[in-house]
Amino acid sequence: YVDSVEGRFSISRDNTKNMVYLQMNSLKPEDTAVYYCKVVRG
């Protein structure tokens, strides 16, 4: 995680469903953005 979300966000995946998730807690106004998922290695 990037420092700004460490401890607040949690990424997970389900390889049986080809799904990736981002649980976002303790949200702050500075988290406002468009969020994208992407392959980063492979």
All heavy atoms as atom14 arrays in JSON, in Angstrom:
{
  "sequence": "YVDSVEGRFSISRDNTKNMVYLQMNSLKPEDTAVYYCKVVRG",
  "atom14_mask": [
    [1, 1, 1, 1, 1, 1, 1, 1, 1, 1, 1, 1, 0, 0],
    [1, 1, 1, 1, 1, 1, 1, 0, 0, 0, 0, 0, 0, 0],
    [1, 1, 1, 1, 1, 1, 1, 1, 0, 0, 0, 0, 0, 0],
    [1, 1, 1, 1, 1, 1, 0, 0, 0, 0, 0, 0, 0, 0],
    [1, 1, 1, 1, 1, 1, 1, 0, 0, 0, 0, 0, 0, 0],
    [1, 1, 1, 1, 1, 1, 1, 1, 1, 0, 0, 0, 0, 0],
    [1, 1, 1, 1, 0, 0, 0, 0, 0, 0, 0, 0, 0, 0],
    [1, 1, 1, 1, 1, 1, 1, 1, 1, 1, 1, 0, 0, 0],
    [1, 1, 1, 1, 1, 1, 1, 1, 1, 1, 1, 0, 0, 0],
    [1, 1, 1, 1, 1, 1, 0, 0, 0, 0, 0, 0, 0, 0],
    [1, 1, 1, 1, 1, 1, 1, 1, 0, 0, 0, 0, 0, 0],
    [1, 1, 1, 1, 1, 1, 0, 0, 0, 0, 0, 0, 0, 0],
    [1, 1, 1, 1, 1, 1, 1, 1, 1, 1, 1, 0, 0, 0],
    [1, 1, 1, 1, 1, 1, 1, 1, 0, 0, 0, 0, 0, 0],
    [1, 1, 1, 1, 1, 1, 1, 1, 0, 0, 0, 0, 0, 0],
    [1, 1, 1, 1, 1, 1, 1, 0, 0, 0, 0, 0, 0, 0],
    [1, 1, 1, 1, 1, 1, 1, 1, 1, 0, 0, 0, 0, 0],
    [1, 1, 1, 1, 1, 1, 1, 1, 0, 0, 0, 0, 0, 0],
    [1, 1, 1, 1, 1, 1, 1, 1, 0, 0, 0, 0, 0, 0],
    [1, 1, 1, 1, 1, 1, 1, 0, 0, 0, 0, 0, 0, 0],
    [1, 1, 1, 1, 1, 1, 1, 1, 1, 1, 1, 1, 0, 0],
    [1, 1, 1, 1, 1, 1, 1, 1, 0, 0, 0, 0, 0, 0],
    [1, 1, 1, 1, 1, 1, 1, 1, 1, 0, 0, 0, 0, 0],
    [1, 1, 1, 1, 1, 1, 1, 1, 0, 0, 0, 0, 0, 0],
    [1, 1, 1, 1, 1, 1, 1, 1, 0, 0, 0, 0, 0, 0],
    [1, 1, 1, 1, 1, 1, 0, 0, 0, 0, 0, 0, 0, 0],
    [1, 1, 1, 1, 1, 1, 1, 1, 0, 0, 0, 0, 0, 0],
    [1, 1, 1, 1, 1, 1, 1, 1, 1, 0, 0, 0, 0, 0],
    [1, 1, 1, 1, 1, 1, 1, 0, 0, 0, 0, 0, 0, 0],
    [1, 1, 1, 1, 1, 1, 1, 1, 1, 0, 0, 0, 0, 0],
    [1, 1, 1, 1, 1, 1, 1, 1, 0, 0, 0, 0, 0, 0],
    [1, 1, 1, 1, 1, 1, 1, 0, 0, 0, 0, 0, 0, 0],
    [1, 1, 1, 1, 1, 0, 0, 0, 0, 0, 0, 0, 0, 0],
    [1, 1, 1, 1, 1, 1, 1, 0, 0, 0, 0, 0, 0, 0],
    [1, 1, 1, 1, 1, 1, 1, 1, 1, 1, 1, 1, 0, 0],
    [1, 1, 1, 1, 1, 1, 1, 1, 1, 1, 1, 1, 0, 0],
    [1, 1, 1, 1, 1, 1, 0, 0, 0, 0, 0, 0, 0, 0],
    [1, 1, 1, 1, 1, 1, 1, 1, 1, 0, 0, 0, 0, 0],
    [1, 1, 1, 1, 1, 1, 1, 0, 0, 0, 0, 0, 0, 0],
    [1, 1, 1, 1, 1, 1, 1, 0, 0, 0, 0, 0, 0, 0],
    [1, 1, 1, 1, 1, 1, 1, 1, 1, 1, 1, 0, 0, 0],
    [1, 1, 1, 1, 0, 0, 0, 0, 0, 0, 0, 0, 0, 0]
  ],
  "atom14_positions": [
    [[0.83, -1.19, 0.0], [0.0, 0.0, 0.0], [0.86, 1.25, 0.0], [1.96, 1.26, 0.56], [-0.9, 0.04, 1.24], [-1.78, -1.16, 1.38], [-1.35, -2.27, 2.11], [-3.03, -1.2, 0.78], [-2.16, -3.39, 2.23], [-3.84, -2.32, 0.89], [-3.4, -3.41, 1.62], [-4.2, -4.52, 1.74], [0.0, 0.0, 0.0], [0.0, 0.0, 0.0]],
    [[0.33, 2.28, -0.6], [0.96, 3.57, -0.48], [0.72, 4.09, 0.94], [-0.28, 3.75, 1.58], [0.41, 4.54, -1.55], [-1.04, 4.91, -1.25], [1.27, 5.77, -1.67], [0.0, 0.0, 0.0], [0.0, 0.0, 0.0], [0.0, 0.0, 0.0], [0.0, 0.0, 0.0], [0.0, 0.0, 0.0], [0.0, 0.0, 0.0], [0.0, 0.0, 0.0]],
    [[1.64, 4.89, 1.43], [1.58, 5.33, 2.82], [0.25, 6.0, 3.17], [-0.26, 5.85, 4.29], [2.73, 6.28, 3.14], [4.06, 5.58, 3.25], [4.08, 4.33, 3.33], [5.09, 6.28, 3.28], [0.0, 0.0, 0.0], [0.0, 0.0, 0.0], [0.0, 0.0, 0.0], [0.0, 0.0, 0.0], [0.0, 0.0, 0.0], [0.0, 0.0, 0.0]],
    [[-0.3, 6.74, 2.25], [-1.49, 7.52, 2.54], [-2.73, 6.67, 2.81], [-3.7, 7.17, 3.39], [-1.78, 8.5, 1.4], [-1.99, 7.81, 0.18], [0.0, 0.0, 0.0], [0.0, 0.0, 0.0], [0.0, 0.0, 0.0], [0.0, 0.0, 0.0], [0.0, 0.0, 0.0], [0.0, 0.0, 0.0], [0.0, 0.0, 0.0], [0.0, 0.0, 0.0]],
    [[-2.71, 5.41, 2.4], [-3.86, 4.54, 2.64], [-3.52, 3.38, 3.56], [-4.43, 2.63, 3.95], [-4.47, 4.01, 1.33], [-4.73, 5.15, 0.35], [-3.57, 2.96, 0.69], [0.0, 0.0, 0.0], [0.0, 0.0, 0.0], [0.0, 0.0, 0.0], [0.0, 0.0, 0.0], [0.0, 0.0, 0.0], [0.0, 0.0, 0.0], [0.0, 0.0, 0.0]],
    [[-2.28, 3.21, 3.91], [-1.85, 2.12, 4.79], [-2.66, 2.14, 6.08], [-2.8, 3.17, 6.73], [-0.37, 2.24, 5.09], [0.18, 1.16, 6.0], [0.32, -0.17, 5.3], [0.87, -0.21, 4.18], [-0.14, -1.18, 5.87], [0.0, 0.0, 0.0], [0.0, 0.0, 0.0], [0.0, 0.0, 0.0], [0.0, 0.0, 0.0], [0.0, 0.0, 0.0]],
    [[-3.19, 0.99, 6.43], [-3.97, 0.87, 7.65], [-5.43, 1.19, 7.48], [-6.22, 0.91, 8.39], [0.0, 0.0, 0.0], [0.0, 0.0, 0.0], [0.0, 0.0, 0.0], [0.0, 0.0, 0.0], [0.0, 0.0, 0.0], [0.0, 0.0, 0.0], [0.0, 0.0, 0.0], [0.0, 0.0, 0.0], [0.0, 0.0, 0.0], [0.0, 0.0, 0.0]],
    [[-5.8, 1.78, 6.37], [-7.19, 2.12, 6.11], [-7.8, 1.3, 4.98], [-8.98, 0.97, 5.02], [-7.33, 3.6, 5.78], [-6.86, 4.53, 6.89], [-7.21, 5.98, 6.6], [-6.56, 6.46, 5.37], [-7.2, 6.88, 4.29], [-8.54, 6.91, 4.28], [-6.53, 7.31, 3.24], [0.0, 0.0, 0.0], [0.0, 0.0, 0.0], [0.0, 0.0, 0.0]],
    [[-6.99, 1.0, 3.98], [-7.46, 0.25, 2.82], [-6.92, -1.16, 2.87], [-5.82, -1.41, 3.39], [-6.98, 0.9, 1.52], [-7.62, 2.22, 1.18], [-8.4, 2.91, 2.09], [-7.41, 2.77, -0.07], [-8.98, 4.13, 1.77], [-7.98, 3.99, -0.41], [-8.76, 4.66, 0.5], [0.0, 0.0, 0.0], [0.0, 0.0, 0.0], [0.0, 0.0, 0.0]],
    [[-7.67, -2.07, 2.29], [-7.25, -3.46, 2.2], [-7.62, -4.01, 0.83], [-8.8, -3.99, 0.45], [-7.9, -4.29, 3.31], [-7.51, -5.65, 3.22], [0.0, 0.0, 0.0], [0.0, 0.0, 0.0], [0.0, 0.0, 0.0], [0.0, 0.0, 0.0], [0.0, 0.0, 0.0], [0.0, 0.0, 0.0], [0.0, 0.0, 0.0], [0.0, 0.0, 0.0]],
    [[-6.63, -4.48, 0.1], [-6.86, -5.08, -1.2], [-6.92, -6.59, -1.04], [-6.19, -7.18, -0.24], [-5.76, -4.66, -2.2], [-6.09, -5.15, -3.62], [-4.39, -5.13, -1.75], [-5.13, -4.6, -4.68], [0.0, 0.0, 0.0], [0.0, 0.0, 0.0], [0.0, 0.0, 0.0], [0.0, 0.0, 0.0], [0.0, 0.0, 0.0], [0.0, 0.0, 0.0]],
    [[-7.8, -7.22, -1.79], [-7.94, -8.66, -1.73], [-8.34, -9.17, -3.11], [-8.67, -8.38, -4.0], [-8.95, -9.09, -0.67], [-10.24, -8.56, -0.95], [0.0, 0.0, 0.0], [0.0, 0.0, 0.0], [0.0, 0.0, 0.0], [0.0, 0.0, 0.0], [0.0, 0.0, 0.0], [0.0, 0.0, 0.0], [0.0, 0.0, 0.0], [0.0, 0.0, 0.0]],
    [[-8.31, -10.47, -3.26], [-8.68, -11.04, -4.55], [-9.29, -12.41, -4.36], [-9.05, -13.09, -3.36], [-7.47, -11.13, -5.49], [-6.4, -12.11, -5.04], [-5.12, -11.92, -5.84], [-5.29, -12.28, -7.24], [-4.48, -11.89, -8.22], [-3.45, -11.09, -7.95], [-4.7, -12.27, -9.47], [0.0, 0.0, 0.0], [0.0, 0.0, 0.0], [0.0, 0.0, 0.0]],
    [[-10.08, -12.81, -5.32], [-10.66, -14.14, -5.37], [-10.31, -14.72, -6.73], [-10.91, -14.35, -7.75], [-12.17, -14.08, -5.17], [-12.81, -15.45, -5.09], [-12.19, -16.44, -5.53], [-13.93, -15.54, -4.57], [0.0, 0.0, 0.0], [0.0, 0.0, 0.0], [0.0, 0.0, 0.0], [0.0, 0.0, 0.0], [0.0, 0.0, 0.0], [0.0, 0.0, 0.0]],
    [[-9.34, -15.6, -6.75], [-8.86, -16.15, -8.01], [-9.85, -17.1, -8.66], [-9.72, -17.4, -9.84], [-7.51, -16.85, -7.8], [-6.38, -15.88, -7.55], [-6.5, -14.68, -7.82], [-5.27, -16.39, -7.04], [0.0, 0.0, 0.0], [0.0, 0.0, 0.0], [0.0, 0.0, 0.0], [0.0, 0.0, 0.0], [0.0, 0.0, 0.0], [0.0, 0.0, 0.0]],
    [[-10.81, -17.59, -7.9], [-11.83, -18.45, -8.48], [-12.89, -17.66, -9.22], [-13.63, -18.22, -10.03], [-12.51, -19.32, -7.42], [-13.34, -18.53, -6.57], [-11.48, -20.04, -6.57], [0.0, 0.0, 0.0], [0.0, 0.0, 0.0], [0.0, 0.0, 0.0], [0.0, 0.0, 0.0], [0.0, 0.0, 0.0], [0.0, 0.0, 0.0], [0.0, 0.0, 0.0]],
    [[-12.98, -16.37, -8.94], [-13.99, -15.51, -9.55], [-13.4, -14.41, -10.42], [-14.16, -13.62, -10.99], [-14.85, -14.88, -8.46], [-15.61, -15.88, -7.62], [-16.43, -15.18, -6.55], [-17.21, -16.17, -5.71], [-17.99, -15.5, -4.65], [0.0, 0.0, 0.0], [0.0, 0.0, 0.0], [0.0, 0.0, 0.0], [0.0, 0.0, 0.0], [0.0, 0.0, 0.0]],
    [[-12.09, -14.36, -10.52], [-11.42, -13.28, -11.26], [-11.86, -11.91, -10.76], [-12.19, -11.02, -11.55], [-11.67, -13.42, -12.77], [-10.92, -14.58, -13.39], [-10.3, -15.39, -12.71], [-10.98, -14.66, -14.71], [0.0, 0.0, 0.0], [0.0, 0.0, 0.0], [0.0, 0.0, 0.0], [0.0, 0.0, 0.0], [0.0, 0.0, 0.0], [0.0, 0.0, 0.0]],
    [[-11.85, -11.77, -9.46], [-12.28, -10.53, -8.83], [-11.18, -9.99, -7.93], [-10.47, -10.75, -7.27], [-13.54, -10.74, -7.99], [-14.76, -11.17, -8.78], [-15.47, -9.81, -9.75], [-16.06, -8.74, -8.44], [0.0, 0.0, 0.0], [0.0, 0.0, 0.0], [0.0, 0.0, 0.0], [0.0, 0.0, 0.0], [0.0, 0.0, 0.0], [0.0, 0.0, 0.0]],
    [[-11.06, -8.69, -7.91], [-10.2, -8.01, -6.97], [-11.02, -6.93, -6.27], [-11.89, -6.32, -6.89], [-8.94, -7.43, -7.66], [-9.32, -6.45, -8.76], [-8.0, -6.79, -6.65], [0.0, 0.0, 0.0], [0.0, 0.0, 0.0], [0.0, 0.0, 0.0], [0.0, 0.0, 0.0], [0.0, 0.0, 0.0], [0.0, 0.0, 0.0], [0.0, 0.0, 0.0]],
    [[-10.73, -6.73, -5.0], [-11.52, -5.84, -4.17], [-10.63, -4.81, -3.49], [-9.45, -5.03, -3.28], [-12.28, -6.62, -3.1], [-13.1, -7.76, -3.65], [-12.59, -9.06, -3.67], [-14.38, -7.55, -4.15], [-13.33, -10.11, -4.17], [-15.13, -8.59, -4.65], [-14.6, -9.87, -4.66], [-15.34, -10.91, -5.15], [0.0, 0.0, 0.0], [0.0, 0.0, 0.0]],
    [[-11.24, -3.73, -3.12], [-10.57, -2.74, -2.3], [-11.53, -2.29, -1.21], [-12.51, -1.59, -1.48], [-10.12, -1.53, -3.12], [-9.27, -0.51, -2.36], [-7.91, -1.11, -1.99], [-9.08, 0.76, -3.18], [0.0, 0.0, 0.0], [0.0, 0.0, 0.0], [0.0, 0.0, 0.0], [0.0, 0.0, 0.0], [0.0, 0.0, 0.0], [0.0, 0.0, 0.0]],
    [[-11.26, -2.74, 0.0], [-12.04, -2.3, 1.15], [-11.43, -1.01, 1.67], [-10.25, -0.97, 2.01], [-12.02, -3.37, 2.25], [-12.77, -2.98, 3.51], [-14.26, -2.85, 3.3], [-14.85, -3.72, 2.67], [-14.85, -1.78, 3.8], [0.0, 0.0, 0.0], [0.0, 0.0, 0.0], [0.0, 0.0, 0.0], [0.0, 0.0, 0.0], [0.0, 0.0, 0.0]],
    [[-12.22, 0.03, 1.71], [-11.75, 1.34, 2.11], [-12.49, 1.76, 3.38], [-13.72, 1.9, 3.37], [-11.98, 2.36, 1.0], [-11.35, 1.97, -0.33], [-11.51, 3.28, -1.58], [-13.3, 3.31, -1.75], [0.0, 0.0, 0.0], [0.0, 0.0, 0.0], [0.0, 0.0, 0.0], [0.0, 0.0, 0.0], [0.0, 0.0, 0.0], [0.0, 0.0, 0.0]],
    [[-11.75, 1.95, 4.44], [-12.3, 2.37, 5.71], [-11.73, 3.72, 6.11], [-10.71, 4.16, 5.58], [-12.0, 1.34, 6.8], [-12.57, -0.03, 6.51], [-13.68, -0.16, 6.01], [-11.81, -1.07, 6.83], [0.0, 0.0, 0.0], [0.0, 0.0, 0.0], [0.0, 0.0, 0.0], [0.0, 0.0, 0.0], [0.0, 0.0, 0.0], [0.0, 0.0, 0.0]],
    [[-12.38, 4.35, 7.06], [-11.92, 5.64, 7.58], [-11.63, 6.61, 6.45], [-10.59, 7.28, 6.41], [-10.68, 5.45, 8.46], [-10.94, 4.58, 9.53], [0.0, 0.0, 0.0], [0.0, 0.0, 0.0], [0.0, 0.0, 0.0], [0.0, 0.0, 0.0], [0.0, 0.0, 0.0], [0.0, 0.0, 0.0], [0.0, 0.0, 0.0], [0.0, 0.0, 0.0]],
    [[-12.56, 6.71, 5.54], [-12.35, 7.51, 4.34], [-12.22, 8.99, 4.67], [-12.87, 9.51, 5.59], [-13.48, 7.28, 3.35], [-13.36, 5.97, 2.58], [-14.7, 5.59, 1.97], [-12.29, 6.08, 1.5], [0.0, 0.0, 0.0], [0.0, 0.0, 0.0], [0.0, 0.0, 0.0], [0.0, 0.0, 0.0], [0.0, 0.0, 0.0], [0.0, 0.0, 0.0]],
    [[-11.38, 9.64, 3.9], [-11.1, 11.05, 4.05], [-11.45, 11.78, 2.77], [-11.45, 11.18, 1.69], [-9.61, 11.27, 4.36], [-9.09, 10.53, 5.57], [-7.59, 10.69, 5.7], [-7.05, 9.95, 6.9], [-5.58, 10.09, 7.01], [0.0, 0.0, 0.0], [0.0, 0.0, 0.0], [0.0, 0.0, 0.0], [0.0, 0.0, 0.0], [0.0, 0.0, 0.0]],
    [[-11.73, 13.07, 2.85], [-12.03, 13.82, 1.63], [-10.93, 13.69, 0.57], [-11.24, 13.67, -0.62], [-12.16, 15.26, 2.12], [-12.66, 15.11, 3.52], [-11.95, 13.9, 4.05], [0.0, 0.0, 0.0], [0.0, 0.0, 0.0], [0.0, 0.0, 0.0], [0.0, 0.0, 0.0], [0.0, 0.0, 0.0], [0.0, 0.0, 0.0], [0.0, 0.0, 0.0]],
    [[-9.69, 13.58, 0.99], [-8.6, 13.46, 0.04], [-8.56, 12.11, -0.67], [-7.76, 11.92, -1.59], [-7.25, 13.74, 0.71], [-7.02, 12.96, 1.99], [-7.36, 13.76, 3.23], [-8.42, 14.42, 3.26], [-6.56, 13.75, 4.19], [0.0, 0.0, 0.0], [0.0, 0.0, 0.0], [0.0, 0.0, 0.0], [0.0, 0.0, 0.0], [0.0, 0.0, 0.0]],
    [[-9.4, 11.18, -0.26], [-9.55, 9.92, -0.98], [-10.46, 10.06, -2.19], [-10.59, 9.11, -2.97], [-10.1, 8.83, -0.06], [-9.16, 8.48, 1.07], [-7.93, 8.4, 0.84], [-9.65, 8.28, 2.2], [0.0, 0.0, 0.0], [0.0, 0.0, 0.0], [0.0, 0.0, 0.0], [0.0, 0.0, 0.0], [0.0, 0.0, 0.0], [0.0, 0.0, 0.0]],
    [[-11.11, 11.18, -2.32], [-12.0, 11.41, -3.45], [-11.24, 11.29, -4.76], [-10.25, 11.97, -4.98], [-12.66, 12.79, -3.35], [-13.49, 12.83, -2.18], [-13.52, 13.07, -4.57], [0.0, 0.0, 0.0], [0.0, 0.0, 0.0], [0.0, 0.0, 0.0], [0.0, 0.0, 0.0], [0.0, 0.0, 0.0], [0.0, 0.0, 0.0], [0.0, 0.0, 0.0]],
    [[-11.72, 10.42, -5.62], [-11.04, 10.15, -6.88], [-11.84, 9.13, -7.66], [-12.78, 8.51, -7.13], [-9.62, 9.61, -6.64], [0.0, 0.0, 0.0], [0.0, 0.0, 0.0], [0.0, 0.0, 0.0], [0.0, 0.0, 0.0], [0.0, 0.0, 0.0], [0.0, 0.0, 0.0], [0.0, 0.0, 0.0], [0.0, 0.0, 0.0], [0.0, 0.0, 0.0]],
    [[-11.46, 8.95, -8.9], [-11.93, 7.81, -9.66], [-10.94, 6.68, -9.43], [-9.73, 6.86, -9.57], [-12.05, 8.13, -11.16], [-12.51, 6.9, -11.93], [-13.01, 9.28, -11.38], [0.0, 0.0, 0.0], [0.0, 0.0, 0.0], [0.0, 0.0, 0.0], [0.0, 0.0, 0.0], [0.0, 0.0, 0.0], [0.0, 0.0, 0.0], [0.0, 0.0, 0.0]],
    [[-11.45, 5.53, -9.08], [-10.62, 4.38, -8.76], [-10.66, 3.36, -9.88], [-11.72, 3.04, -10.41], [-11.09, 3.73, -7.45], [-10.67, 4.52, -6.23], [-11.28, 5.73, -5.91], [-9.63, 4.06, -5.41], [-10.88, 6.47, -4.81], [-9.23, 4.79, -4.31], [-9.86, 5.99, -4.01], [-9.46, 6.71, -2.91], [0.0, 0.0, 0.0], [0.0, 0.0, 0.0]],
    [[-9.49, 2.86, -10.22], [-9.33, 1.92, -11.31], [-8.57, 0.68, -10.83], [-7.65, 0.8, -10.02], [-8.5, 2.52, -12.45], [-9.02, 3.8, -13.02], [-8.71, 5.02, -12.44], [-9.81, 3.8, -14.17], [-9.18, 6.22, -12.98], [-10.28, 4.98, -14.71], [-9.96, 6.18, -14.12], [-10.41, 7.35, -14.66], [0.0, 0.0, 0.0], [0.0, 0.0, 0.0]],
    [[-8.94, -0.46, -11.35], [-8.1, -1.64, -11.15], [-7.32, -1.92, -12.42], [-7.72, -1.52, -13.52], [-8.93, -2.85, -10.73], [-10.04, -3.52, -11.98], [0.0, 0.0, 0.0], [0.0, 0.0, 0.0], [0.0, 0.0, 0.0], [0.0, 0.0, 0.0], [0.0, 0.0, 0.0], [0.0, 0.0, 0.0], [0.0, 0.0, 0.0], [0.0, 0.0, 0.0]],
    [[-6.2, -2.6, -12.26], [-5.32, -2.81, -13.39], [-4.34, -3.92, -13.1], [-3.96, -4.15, -11.96], [-4.54, -1.52, -13.69], [-3.74, -1.56, -14.96], [-2.96, -0.28, -15.15], [-2.15, -0.33, -16.43], [-1.18, -1.44, -16.43], [0.0, 0.0, 0.0], [0.0, 0.0, 0.0], [0.0, 0.0, 0.0], [0.0, 0.0, 0.0], [0.0, 0.0, 0.0]],
    [[-3.91, -4.6, -14.15], [-2.8, -5.53, -14.02], [-1.53, -4.72, -13.87], [-1.24, -3.83, -14.67], [-2.69, -6.44, -15.26], [-1.46, -7.33, -15.15], [-3.94, -7.28, -15.43], [0.0, 0.0, 0.0], [0.0, 0.0, 0.0], [0.0, 0.0, 0.0], [0.0, 0.0, 0.0], [0.0, 0.0, 0.0], [0.0, 0.0, 0.0], [0.0, 0.0, 0.0]],
    [[-0.76, -5.01, -12.83], [0.47, -4.29, -12.59], [1.71, -5.14, -12.82], [2.82, -4.6, -12.91], [0.51, -3.67, -11.18], [-0.58, -2.63, -11.03], [0.39, -4.74, -10.1], [0.0, 0.0, 0.0], [0.0, 0.0, 0.0], [0.0, 0.0, 0.0], [0.0, 0.0, 0.0], [0.0, 0.0, 0.0], [0.0, 0.0, 0.0], [0.0, 0.0, 0.0]],
    [[1.55, -6.44, -12.9], [2.65, -7.33, -13.22], [2.09, -8.64, -13.71], [1.1, -9.14, -13.15], [3.56, -7.56, -12.02], [4.81, -8.36, -12.33], [5.66, -8.57, -11.1], [6.88, -9.3, -11.42], [7.77, -9.71, -10.54], [7.59, -9.44, -9.25], [8.84, -10.38, -10.92], [0.0, 0.0, 0.0], [0.0, 0.0, 0.0], [0.0, 0.0, 0.0]],
    [[2.69, -9.2, -14.74], [2.26, -10.49, -15.24], [2.19, -10.5, -16.75], [3.22, -10.4, -17.42], [0.0, 0.0, 0.0], [0.0, 0.0, 0.0], [0.0, 0.0, 0.0], [0.0, 0.0, 0.0], [0.0, 0.0, 0.0], [0.0, 0.0, 0.0], [0.0, 0.0, 0.0], [0.0, 0.0, 0.0], [0.0, 0.0, 0.0], [0.0, 0.0, 0.0]]
  ]
}
